[in-house]
Amino acid sequence: MASLLHHFLLLSILIIFSSSSLCASQFPKSGYIALPTKLDPETHQYYTSSIAMGTPKHNMNLVISLDLDALWYDCNSHYYSSSYIPVSCDDSTNCAQTSSCFNCNDSPPKPGCTNNCGYYANNPFVDTPFFSGDLGQDLLYLPQVKIPQRFLSGCVVSDSPVINIPLVGGLVKGSKGMLGFGRNSQLALPIQVSSIYIVIPKFAMCLPSSEKSIGNVFIGGTPYGLNSVPNRVPFAISTDTNSHEYFINVNSIKIDGELVNVSGKGFNGNTKISVGLRR
């Protein structure tokens, strides 16, 4: 009898853990994933600390960018993941989105340097902004959910060898990379989440107004109904089909009721939306 009870309790525990793991991979019942977002007082950049990647999990601070094509992170500093899989040069679907093969000299190969499909990271906060590494697939953990299949991202290893510019130079202190929401990119976070969970590819940003408050980026949906937004503004589509930027039509700007004077030609309609701020 004691043996049967023991097996029953053990089976119950296994069922509970299995159910918890399954729920963690399902899209939240709220209809969206929320990434807590902070404002750094030194760089004036918005960033999130709520993302982890790999096995074991590597927690990451990532600077948010509206016009970058993908999530990229620093593989230089002690990064190891047993679940990391580089994208092959022969992968005509995924490799074609970034570049051709990337050759590096590290031996043995490691994440970010596997002589497979390359990825060129853009850090707009340094003078020479492009750095090279792998396009790879790894496990991604977001608040409320573990993405149930490997996520495509840039695993980048190289600082600038010529003028000694660090890969994460100019970013929020402690950051491991950047999180891209770029338009026209199949690698952007909202697009990949949409493809994996079969949800509408949309996101919303409620950014904090100071370093003392916390905002949210909502992916796959929002807690706000469209009817609750009093003045919806349509996007202006760039004529550059390779552009990852977002624009809206702006004819004038008022601050506290006062019209802002603009030198030169003034506003011509297409005005870029950005959450990045160069100092």
C-alpha atoms as a PDB file:
ATOM      1  CA  MET A   1       0.000   0.000   0.000  1.00  0.00           C
ATOM      2  CA  ALA A   2       2.790   2.396   0.903  1.00  0.00           C
ATOM      3  CA  SER A   3       4.510   1.559  -2.387  1.00  0.00           C
ATOM      4  CA  LEU A   4       1.340   2.333  -4.387  1.00  0.00           C
ATOM      5  CA  LEU A   5       0.904   5.627  -2.519  1.00  0.00           C
ATOM      6  CA  HIS A   6       4.543   6.510  -3.214  1.00  0.00           C
ATOM      7  CA  HIS A   7       4.104   5.892  -6.964  1.00  0.00           C
ATOM      8  CA  PHE A   8       0.840   7.852  -7.003  1.00  0.00           C
ATOM      9  CA  LEU A   9       2.470  10.885  -5.372  1.00  0.00           C
ATOM     10  CA  LEU A  10       5.469  10.686  -7.720  1.00  0.00           C
ATOM     11  CA  LEU A  11       3.182  10.491 -10.763  1.00  0.00           C
ATOM     12  CA  SER A  12       1.164  13.462  -9.490  1.00  0.00           C
ATOM     13  CA  ILE A  13       4.320  15.546  -9.114  1.00  0.00           C
ATOM     14  CA  LEU A  14       5.452  14.631 -12.654  1.00  0.00           C
ATOM     15  CA  ILE A  15       2.057  15.614 -14.062  1.00  0.00           C
ATOM     16  CA  ILE A  16       2.202  18.983 -12.292  1.00  0.00           C
ATOM     17  CA  PHE A  17       5.712  19.709 -13.619  1.00  0.00           C
ATOM     18  CA  SER A  18       4.749  18.576 -17.128  1.00  0.00           C
ATOM     19  CA  SER A  19       1.655  20.812 -17.100  1.00  0.00           C
ATOM     20  CA  SER A  20       3.712  23.767 -15.881  1.00  0.00           C
ATOM     21  CA  SER A  21       6.265  23.293 -18.666  1.00  0.00           C
ATOM     22  CA  LEU A  22       3.502  23.089 -21.264  1.00  0.00           C
ATOM     23  CA  CYS A  23       1.843  26.261 -20.038  1.00  0.00           C
ATOM     24  CA  ALA A  24       5.169  28.088 -20.056  1.00  0.00           C
ATOM     25  CA  SER A  25       5.450  27.424 -23.802  1.00  0.00           C
ATOM     26  CA  GLN A  26       1.903  28.506 -24.658  1.00  0.00           C
ATOM     27  CA  PHE A  27       1.007  32.066 -25.611  1.00  0.00           C
ATOM     28  CA  PRO A  28      -0.260  33.982 -22.545  1.00  0.00           C
ATOM     29  CA  LYS A  29      -4.029  34.008 -22.041  1.00  0.00           C
ATOM     30  CA  SER A  30      -3.822  37.795 -21.702  1.00  0.00           C
ATOM     31  CA  GLY A  31      -3.280  37.924 -25.480  1.00  0.00           C
ATOM     32  CA  TYR A  32       0.134  39.578 -25.297  1.00  0.00           C
ATOM     33  CA  ILE A  33       3.667  39.243 -23.956  1.00  0.00           C
ATOM     34  CA  ALA A  34       4.804  42.210 -21.858  1.00  0.00           C
ATOM     35  CA  LEU A  35       8.468  43.219 -21.656  1.00  0.00           C
ATOM     36  CA  PRO A  36       9.140  45.569 -18.713  1.00  0.00           C
ATOM     37  CA  THR A  37      11.099  48.541 -20.040  1.00  0.00           C
ATOM     38  CA  LYS A  38      13.374  51.051 -18.312  1.00  0.00           C
ATOM     39  CA  LEU A  39      14.987  54.384 -19.207  1.00  0.00           C
ATOM     40  CA  ASP A  40      18.720  54.749 -18.562  1.00  0.00           C
ATOM     41  CA  PRO A  41      19.521  58.229 -17.160  1.00  0.00           C
ATOM     42  CA  GLU A  42      23.070  58.248 -18.559  1.00  0.00           C
ATOM     43  CA  THR A  43      22.480  57.264 -22.202  1.00  0.00           C
ATOM     44  CA  HIS A  44      18.748  58.104 -22.407  1.00  0.00           C
ATOM     45  CA  GLN A  45      18.209  54.708 -24.047  1.00  0.00           C
ATOM     46  CA  TYR A  46      15.282  52.392 -23.373  1.00  0.00           C
ATOM     47  CA  TYR A  47      16.157  48.828 -22.444  1.00  0.00           C
ATOM     48  CA  THR A  48      14.712  45.617 -21.067  1.00  0.00           C
ATOM     49  CA  SER A  49      16.190  43.213 -18.522  1.00  0.00           C
ATOM     50  CA  SER A  50      13.542  40.549 -19.040  1.00  0.00           C
ATOM     51  CA  ILE A  51      15.104  38.351 -21.727  1.00  0.00           C
ATOM     52  CA  ALA A  52      17.283  35.261 -21.387  1.00  0.00           C
ATOM     53  CA  MET A  53      18.830  32.968 -23.985  1.00  0.00           C
ATOM     54  CA  GLY A  54      20.551  29.609 -24.215  1.00  0.00           C
ATOM     55  CA  THR A  55      21.309  26.594 -22.033  1.00  0.00           C
ATOM     56  CA  PRO A  56      22.128  27.421 -19.311  1.00  0.00           C
ATOM     57  CA  LYS A  57      20.055  30.593 -19.420  1.00  0.00           C
ATOM     58  CA  HIS A  58      22.001  33.816 -19.955  1.00  0.00           C
ATOM     59  CA  ASN A  59      20.073  36.810 -18.643  1.00  0.00           C
ATOM     60  CA  MET A  60      20.527  39.881 -20.828  1.00  0.00           C
ATOM     61  CA  ASN A  61      19.985  43.612 -20.739  1.00  0.00           C
ATOM     62  CA  LEU A  62      19.114  44.624 -24.317  1.00  0.00           C
ATOM     63  CA  VAL A  63      18.703  48.155 -25.706  1.00  0.00           C
ATOM     64  CA  ILE A  64      15.446  48.532 -27.657  1.00  0.00           C
ATOM     65  CA  SER A  65      15.563  49.749 -31.255  1.00  0.00           C
ATOM     66  CA  LEU A  66      12.634  50.333 -33.606  1.00  0.00           C
ATOM     67  CA  ASP A  67      14.702  50.160 -36.783  1.00  0.00           C
ATOM     68  CA  LEU A  68      17.088  47.238 -36.263  1.00  0.00           C
ATOM     69  CA  ASP A  69      16.306  44.014 -38.088  1.00  0.00           C
ATOM     70  CA  ALA A  70      16.880  41.484 -35.288  1.00  0.00           C
ATOM     71  CA  LEU A  71      17.923  40.679 -31.743  1.00  0.00           C
ATOM     72  CA  TRP A  72      21.723  40.572 -31.560  1.00  0.00           C
ATOM     73  CA  TYR A  73      23.898  39.890 -28.539  1.00  0.00           C
ATOM     74  CA  ASP A  74      27.535  39.701 -27.489  1.00  0.00           C
ATOM     75  CA  CYS A  75      29.037  36.210 -27.730  1.00  0.00           C
ATOM     76  CA  ASN A  76      32.517  37.400 -26.774  1.00  0.00           C
ATOM     77  CA  SER A  77      32.321  37.307 -23.024  1.00  0.00           C
ATOM     78  CA  HIS A  78      32.080  33.771 -21.684  1.00  0.00           C
ATOM     79  CA  TYR A  79      29.007  32.844 -23.723  1.00  0.00           C
ATOM     80  CA  TYR A  80      28.312  29.135 -23.958  1.00  0.00           C
ATOM     81  CA  SER A  81      25.046  27.385 -24.794  1.00  0.00           C
ATOM     82  CA  SER A  82      24.529  23.679 -25.415  1.00  0.00           C
ATOM     83  CA  SER A  83      21.260  24.469 -27.264  1.00  0.00           C
ATOM     84  CA  TYR A  84      22.871  26.887 -29.756  1.00  0.00           C
ATOM     85  CA  ILE A  85      22.599  25.863 -33.436  1.00  0.00           C
ATOM     86  CA  PRO A  86      24.252  27.979 -36.147  1.00  0.00           C
ATOM     87  CA  VAL A  87      22.260  28.582 -39.323  1.00  0.00           C
ATOM     88  CA  SER A  88      23.847  26.757 -42.226  1.00  0.00           C
ATOM     89  CA  CYS A  89      25.040  28.615 -45.309  1.00  0.00           C
ATOM     90  CA  ASP A  90      22.853  26.209 -47.290  1.00  0.00           C
ATOM     91  CA  ASP A  91      19.692  27.371 -45.503  1.00  0.00           C
ATOM     92  CA  SER A  92      18.131  29.312 -48.376  1.00  0.00           C
ATOM     93  CA  THR A  93      15.212  30.493 -46.211  1.00  0.00           C
ATOM     94  CA  ASN A  94      17.006  31.972 -43.207  1.00  0.00           C
ATOM     95  CA  CYS A  95      20.535  32.669 -44.424  1.00  0.00           C
ATOM     96  CA  ALA A  96      19.258  34.655 -47.382  1.00  0.00           C
ATOM     97  CA  GLN A  97      17.789  37.204 -44.937  1.00  0.00           C
ATOM     98  CA  THR A  98      21.172  38.325 -43.642  1.00  0.00           C
ATOM     99  CA  SER A  99      24.288  37.623 -45.665  1.00  0.00           C
ATOM    100  CA  SER A 100      26.515  34.945 -47.088  1.00  0.00           C
ATOM    101  CA  CYS A 101      28.869  32.729 -45.086  1.00  0.00           C
ATOM    102  CA  PHE A 102      31.065  34.226 -42.387  1.00  0.00           C
ATOM    103  CA  ASN A 103      34.607  32.942 -41.999  1.00  0.00           C
ATOM    104  CA  CYS A 104      36.397  33.258 -38.675  1.00  0.00           C
ATOM    105  CA  ASN A 105      39.557  31.786 -37.255  1.00  0.00           C
ATOM    106  CA  ASP A 106      38.639  30.562 -33.779  1.00  0.00           C
ATOM    107  CA  SER A 107      39.438  26.920 -33.034  1.00  0.00           C
ATOM    108  CA  PRO A 108      37.472  25.043 -31.911  1.00  0.00           C
ATOM    109  CA  PRO A 109      34.322  26.746 -33.256  1.00  0.00           C
ATOM    110  CA  LYS A 110      32.070  28.430 -30.689  1.00  0.00           C
ATOM    111  CA  PRO A 111      28.746  30.317 -30.789  1.00  0.00           C
ATOM    112  CA  GLY A 112      29.263  33.350 -32.987  1.00  0.00           C
ATOM    113  CA  CYS A 113      32.232  31.848 -34.807  1.00  0.00           C
ATOM    114  CA  THR A 114      31.253  28.606 -36.521  1.00  0.00           C
ATOM    115  CA  ASN A 115      31.993  29.370 -40.211  1.00  0.00           C
ATOM    116  CA  ASN A 116      28.307  29.231 -41.050  1.00  0.00           C
ATOM    117  CA  CYS A 117      25.732  31.849 -42.048  1.00  0.00           C
ATOM    118  CA  GLY A 118      26.948  35.312 -41.092  1.00  0.00           C
ATOM    119  CA  TYR A 119      25.197  38.168 -39.320  1.00  0.00           C
ATOM    120  CA  TYR A 120      26.371  41.783 -39.280  1.00  0.00           C
ATOM    121  CA  ALA A 121      25.228  43.625 -36.177  1.00  0.00           C
ATOM    122  CA  ASN A 122      24.591  47.356 -36.274  1.00  0.00           C
ATOM    123  CA  ASN A 123      25.373  49.383 -33.155  1.00  0.00           C
ATOM    124  CA  PRO A 124      24.333  52.952 -34.087  1.00  0.00           C
ATOM    125  CA  PHE A 125      25.889  54.402 -30.926  1.00  0.00           C
ATOM    126  CA  VAL A 126      29.506  53.969 -32.072  1.00  0.00           C
ATOM    127  CA  ASP A 127      31.333  55.587 -34.984  1.00  0.00           C
ATOM    128  CA  THR A 128      32.057  52.318 -36.812  1.00  0.00           C
ATOM    129  CA  PRO A 129      28.760  50.533 -36.234  1.00  0.00           C
ATOM    130  CA  PHE A 130      29.046  47.146 -37.980  1.00  0.00           C
ATOM    131  CA  PHE A 131      30.291  43.959 -36.294  1.00  0.00           C
ATOM    132  CA  SER A 132      30.274  40.385 -37.561  1.00  0.00           C
ATOM    133  CA  GLY A 133      29.209  37.037 -36.149  1.00  0.00           C
ATOM    134  CA  ASP A 134      26.782  34.167 -36.760  1.00  0.00           C
ATOM    135  CA  LEU A 135      23.109  33.991 -37.481  1.00  0.00           C
ATOM    136  CA  GLY A 136      22.139  31.360 -34.924  1.00  0.00           C
ATOM    137  CA  GLN A 137      19.176  29.623 -33.321  1.00  0.00           C
ATOM    138  CA  ASP A 138      18.798  29.211 -29.580  1.00  0.00           C
ATOM    139  CA  LEU A 139      16.214  28.996 -26.821  1.00  0.00           C
ATOM    140  CA  LEU A 140      14.628  32.317 -25.901  1.00  0.00           C
ATOM    141  CA  TYR A 141      12.914  33.121 -22.611  1.00  0.00           C
ATOM    142  CA  LEU A 142      10.524  36.057 -22.332  1.00  0.00           C
ATOM    143  CA  PRO A 143       8.377  37.057 -19.358  1.00  0.00           C
ATOM    144  CA  GLN A 144       5.517  34.547 -18.935  1.00  0.00           C
ATOM    145  CA  VAL A 145       6.756  32.286 -21.728  1.00  0.00           C
ATOM    146  CA  LYS A 146       9.557  30.108 -23.049  1.00  0.00           C
ATOM    147  CA  ILE A 147       9.531  30.269 -26.848  1.00  0.00           C
ATOM    148  CA  PRO A 148       8.776  26.650 -27.863  1.00  0.00           C
ATOM    149  CA  GLN A 149      11.220  26.553 -30.768  1.00  0.00           C
ATOM    150  CA  ARG A 150      14.669  27.964 -31.330  1.00  0.00           C
ATOM    151  CA  PHE A 151      14.743  31.702 -31.982  1.00  0.00           C
ATOM    152  CA  LEU A 152      16.791  33.302 -34.786  1.00  0.00           C
ATOM    153  CA  SER A 153      19.206  36.012 -33.662  1.00  0.00           C
ATOM    154  CA  GLY A 154      22.634  37.470 -34.241  1.00  0.00           C
ATOM    155  CA  CYS A 155      25.372  35.934 -32.069  1.00  0.00           C
ATOM    156  CA  VAL A 156      28.203  38.445 -32.533  1.00  0.00           C
ATOM    157  CA  VAL A 157      31.831  37.959 -31.511  1.00  0.00           C
ATOM    158  CA  SER A 158      34.042  40.637 -33.005  1.00  0.00           C
ATOM    159  CA  ASP A 159      35.007  44.023 -31.667  1.00  0.00           C
ATOM    160  CA  SER A 160      36.449  46.375 -34.276  1.00  0.00           C
ATOM    161  CA  PRO A 161      40.052  45.162 -34.822  1.00  0.00           C
ATOM    162  CA  VAL A 162      41.250  48.382 -36.436  1.00  0.00           C
ATOM    163  CA  ILE A 163      40.266  51.171 -34.053  1.00  0.00           C
ATOM    164  CA  ASN A 164      39.473  49.111 -30.961  1.00  0.00           C
ATOM    165  CA  ILE A 165      35.757  49.912 -30.752  1.00  0.00           C
ATOM    166  CA  PRO A 166      33.863  47.605 -28.373  1.00  0.00           C
ATOM    167  CA  LEU A 167      30.818  45.793 -29.702  1.00  0.00           C
ATOM    168  CA  VAL A 168      28.518  47.150 -26.982  1.00  0.00           C
ATOM    169  CA  GLY A 169      30.152  50.574 -26.832  1.00  0.00           C
ATOM    170  CA  GLY A 170      27.732  53.444 -26.215  1.00  0.00           C
ATOM    171  CA  LEU A 171      24.973  51.162 -24.940  1.00  0.00           C
ATOM    172  CA  VAL A 172      23.462  51.109 -21.459  1.00  0.00           C
ATOM    173  CA  LYS A 173      26.067  49.901 -18.972  1.00  0.00           C
ATOM    174  CA  GLY A 174      25.841  46.138 -18.595  1.00  0.00           C
ATOM    175  CA  SER A 175      23.981  45.638 -21.891  1.00  0.00           C
ATOM    176  CA  LYS A 176      24.685  42.521 -23.939  1.00  0.00           C
ATOM    177  CA  GLY A 177      23.240  43.785 -27.214  1.00  0.00           C
ATOM    178  CA  MET A 178      20.150  45.217 -28.877  1.00  0.00           C
ATOM    179  CA  LEU A 179      16.564  44.130 -29.476  1.00  0.00           C
ATOM    180  CA  GLY A 180      15.240  44.956 -32.951  1.00  0.00           C
ATOM    181  CA  PHE A 181      11.605  45.633 -33.894  1.00  0.00           C
ATOM    182  CA  GLY A 182      12.381  46.646 -37.489  1.00  0.00           C
ATOM    183  CA  ARG A 183       9.740  46.762 -40.204  1.00  0.00           C
ATOM    184  CA  ASN A 184      10.181  44.449 -43.211  1.00  0.00           C
ATOM    185  CA  SER A 185      12.316  42.002 -41.218  1.00  0.00           C
ATOM    186  CA  GLN A 186      11.423  38.358 -40.704  1.00  0.00           C
ATOM    187  CA  LEU A 187      13.987  38.294 -37.874  1.00  0.00           C
ATOM    188  CA  ALA A 188      12.339  41.038 -35.788  1.00  0.00           C
ATOM    189  CA  LEU A 189      10.933  39.904 -32.447  1.00  0.00           C
ATOM    190  CA  PRO A 190       7.214  40.587 -33.174  1.00  0.00           C
ATOM    191  CA  ILE A 191       7.389  38.797 -36.547  1.00  0.00           C
ATOM    192  CA  GLN A 192       9.019  35.683 -35.109  1.00  0.00           C
ATOM    193  CA  VAL A 193       6.575  35.580 -32.182  1.00  0.00           C
ATOM    194  CA  SER A 194       3.710  35.952 -34.659  1.00  0.00           C
ATOM    195  CA  SER A 195       5.003  33.097 -36.812  1.00  0.00           C
ATOM    196  CA  ILE A 196       5.570  30.746 -33.879  1.00  0.00           C
ATOM    197  CA  TYR A 197       2.280  31.346 -32.068  1.00  0.00           C
ATOM    198  CA  ILE A 198       0.071  32.267 -35.059  1.00  0.00           C
ATOM    199  CA  VAL A 199      -0.911  35.643 -33.600  1.00  0.00           C
ATOM    200  CA  ILE A 200      -1.221  39.046 -35.252  1.00  0.00           C
ATOM    201  CA  PRO A 201       2.263  40.554 -35.888  1.00  0.00           C
ATOM    202  CA  LYS A 202       1.883  43.702 -33.850  1.00  0.00           C
ATOM    203  CA  PHE A 203       3.434  45.418 -30.860  1.00  0.00           C
ATOM    204  CA  ALA A 204       2.873  48.504 -28.735  1.00  0.00           C
ATOM    205  CA  MET A 205       5.240  50.559 -26.621  1.00  0.00           C
ATOM    206  CA  CYS A 206       4.330  52.322 -23.413  1.00  0.00           C
ATOM    207  CA  LEU A 207       7.712  53.894 -22.605  1.00  0.00           C
ATOM    208  CA  PRO A 208       8.668  55.203 -19.154  1.00  0.00           C
ATOM    209  CA  SER A 209       8.948  58.977 -18.801  1.00  0.00           C
ATOM    210  CA  SER A 210      11.793  58.822 -16.287  1.00  0.00           C
ATOM    211  CA  GLU A 211      14.341  56.417 -14.834  1.00  0.00           C
ATOM    212  CA  LYS A 212      12.129  56.074 -11.753  1.00  0.00           C
ATOM    213  CA  SER A 213       9.217  54.522 -13.655  1.00  0.00           C
ATOM    214  CA  ILE A 214       8.799  51.270 -15.591  1.00  0.00           C
ATOM    215  CA  GLY A 215       7.082  50.944 -18.950  1.00  0.00           C
ATOM    216  CA  ASN A 216       6.175  47.976 -21.118  1.00  0.00           C
ATOM    217  CA  VAL A 217       6.547  46.734 -24.655  1.00  0.00           C
ATOM    218  CA  PHE A 218       3.576  44.550 -25.603  1.00  0.00           C
ATOM    219  CA  ILE A 219       4.085  41.863 -28.259  1.00  0.00           C
ATOM    220  CA  GLY A 220       1.353  40.008 -30.158  1.00  0.00           C
ATOM    221  CA  GLY A 221      -1.393  42.203 -28.742  1.00  0.00           C
ATOM    222  CA  THR A 222      -1.997  44.990 -26.240  1.00  0.00           C
ATOM    223  CA  PRO A 223      -4.041  45.513 -23.085  1.00  0.00           C
ATOM    224  CA  TYR A 224      -5.639  48.512 -24.819  1.00  0.00           C
ATOM    225  CA  GLY A 225      -8.579  48.246 -27.212  1.00  0.00           C
ATOM    226  CA  LEU A 226      -8.294  50.219 -30.451  1.00  0.00           C
ATOM    227  CA  ASN A 227     -11.368  52.198 -29.446  1.00  0.00           C
ATOM    228  CA  SER A 228      -9.531  53.487 -26.373  1.00  0.00           C
ATOM    229  CA  VAL A 229      -6.975  55.287 -28.571  1.00  0.00           C
ATOM    230  CA  PRO A 230      -8.553  58.678 -29.380  1.00  0.00           C
ATOM    231  CA  ASN A 231      -6.374  59.669 -32.333  1.00  0.00           C
ATOM    232  CA  ARG A 232      -4.932  56.844 -34.395  1.00  0.00           C
ATOM    233  CA  VAL A 233      -2.207  57.903 -36.824  1.00  0.00           C
ATOM    234  CA  PRO A 234      -1.553  55.839 -39.990  1.00  0.00           C
ATOM    235  CA  PHE A 235       2.019  54.920 -40.844  1.00  0.00           C
ATOM    236  CA  ALA A 236       3.693  56.409 -43.890  1.00  0.00           C
ATOM    237  CA  ILE A 237       5.392  53.599 -45.814  1.00  0.00           C
ATOM    238  CA  SER A 238       8.952  54.281 -46.925  1.00  0.00           C
ATOM    239  CA  THR A 239       9.679  53.878 -50.628  1.00  0.00           C
ATOM    240  CA  ASP A 240      12.795  51.906 -49.648  1.00  0.00           C
ATOM    241  CA  THR A 241      11.595  48.301 -49.411  1.00  0.00           C
ATOM    242  CA  ASN A 242      14.785  47.361 -47.515  1.00  0.00           C
ATOM    243  CA  SER A 243      14.183  49.968 -44.828  1.00  0.00           C
ATOM    244  CA  HIS A 244      13.410  48.744 -41.314  1.00  0.00           C
ATOM    245  CA  GLU A 245      12.309  52.201 -40.154  1.00  0.00           C
ATOM    246  CA  TYR A 246       8.833  53.470 -39.214  1.00  0.00           C
ATOM    247  CA  PHE A 247       7.449  56.810 -40.410  1.00  0.00           C
ATOM    248  CA  ILE A 248       4.304  58.844 -39.855  1.00  0.00           C
ATOM    249  CA  ASN A 249       2.975  61.878 -41.741  1.00  0.00           C
ATOM    250  CA  VAL A 250       3.659  65.034 -39.729  1.00  0.00           C
ATOM    251  CA  ASN A 251       2.634  68.518 -40.858  1.00  0.00           C
ATOM    252  CA  SER A 252       3.343  70.431 -37.646  1.00  0.00           C
ATOM    253  CA  ILE A 253       4.275  69.940 -33.998  1.00  0.00           C
ATOM    254  CA  LYS A 254       2.997  71.837 -30.980  1.00  0.00           C
ATOM    255  CA  ILE A 255       4.520  71.698 -27.506  1.00  0.00           C
ATOM    256  CA  ASP A 256       2.344  73.039 -24.690  1.00  0.00           C
ATOM    257  CA  GLY A 257       0.168  74.716 -27.298  1.00  0.00           C
ATOM    258  CA  GLU A 258       3.059  76.496 -29.025  1.00  0.00           C
ATOM    259  CA  LEU A 259       3.899  75.716 -32.659  1.00  0.00           C
ATOM    260  CA  VAL A 260       7.461  74.490 -33.123  1.00  0.00           C
ATOM    261  CA  ASN A 261       9.344  76.457 -35.760  1.00  0.00           C
ATOM    262  CA  VAL A 262      11.534  74.381 -38.054  1.00  0.00           C
ATOM    263  CA  SER A 263      14.286  75.957 -40.128  1.00  0.00           C
ATOM    264  CA  GLY A 264      14.685  75.134 -43.801  1.00  0.00           C
ATOM    265  CA  LYS A 265      11.833  73.391 -45.584  1.00  0.00           C
ATOM    266  CA  GLY A 266      10.040  72.350 -42.403  1.00  0.00           C
ATOM    267  CA  PHE A 267       8.102  69.126 -42.231  1.00  0.00           C
ATOM    268  CA  ASN A 268       7.510  67.321 -45.490  1.00  0.00           C
ATOM    269  CA  GLY A 269       5.194  64.610 -44.179  1.00  0.00           C
ATOM    270  CA  ASN A 270       7.391  61.547 -43.652  1.00  0.00           C
ATOM    271  CA  THR A 271       8.849  61.746 -40.157  1.00  0.00           C
ATOM    272  CA  LYS A 272      10.786  58.892 -38.604  1.00  0.00           C
ATOM    273  CA  ILE A 273       9.741  57.411 -35.266  1.00  0.00           C
ATOM    274  CA  SER A 274      12.684  56.388 -33.113  1.00  0.00           C
ATOM    275  CA  VAL A 275      13.337  55.399 -29.506  1.00  0.00           C
ATOM    276  CA  GLY A 276      17.118  55.721 -29.857  1.00  0.00           C
ATOM    277  CA  LEU A 277      18.858  58.928 -28.857  1.00  0.00           C
ATOM    278  CA  ARG A 278      22.436  59.767 -29.770  1.00  0.00           C
ATOM    279  CA  ARG A 279      24.072  62.031 -27.239  1.00  0.00           C
END
